[in-house]
Amino acid sequence: MEWLLLLEKCIWFGLAATGFAVLFNVPVKNLPTIYLMGAAGGFTKVLTMHFGTNIVFGSLYGATVVGFLSIYFAHKRHSPPPVLAIPSVIPMIPGILAYRMIIGLTKLAGEIQPETYNQVLAETVNYGLKVMFILMCLAGGVAIPMLITRKESAKDLKFRRRN
């Protein structure tokens, strides 16, 4: 894989995450953290997809990395973990697949040749299922680290330094 292309994708994932954070009116002190978390989640997703994982599990791994980083940075930034995690995973939402699903539904609702009906239906269902599973993996990937550490507030978690 061209490492420069991977670096470029990380930069764009981070910028998109920062843009969503600004859109959601996240405090300015958290924007660099959200940039790093978005870039790390996108890096994980693209890297795992490069090594053969499909887009659903790649999204799960990326969202899980974002979830664990949000727990860590919540402690450092004195902010709730969802404030940091949600803008960071939004760039991983598969917009093009959702768009293709909607276009397929539009074709199925309109006039369509009977010969191509089954092909359009199969593609539409394929795109719809991918979108659904990716969204479930993004939600689960962000939520699971927060549920694991639910015993204590993120503010009370102590991270040890290795010397």
Foldseek 3Di string as FASTA:
>chain_A
DPVVVLVVQLQVQLVQLLVVLVVVVPDPVCSVVLSNLLSQLRSQLVVVVVVPDDNLVSLLRSLLSSQVSLLVVCQVVVHASVSSRVSSSVVSQPPVLVVLLVVLVVQQVDDDDPVCNVVSVVSNVVSVVSNVSNVVSNVCSNVVSCVVPVVDGSNPDDDDDDD
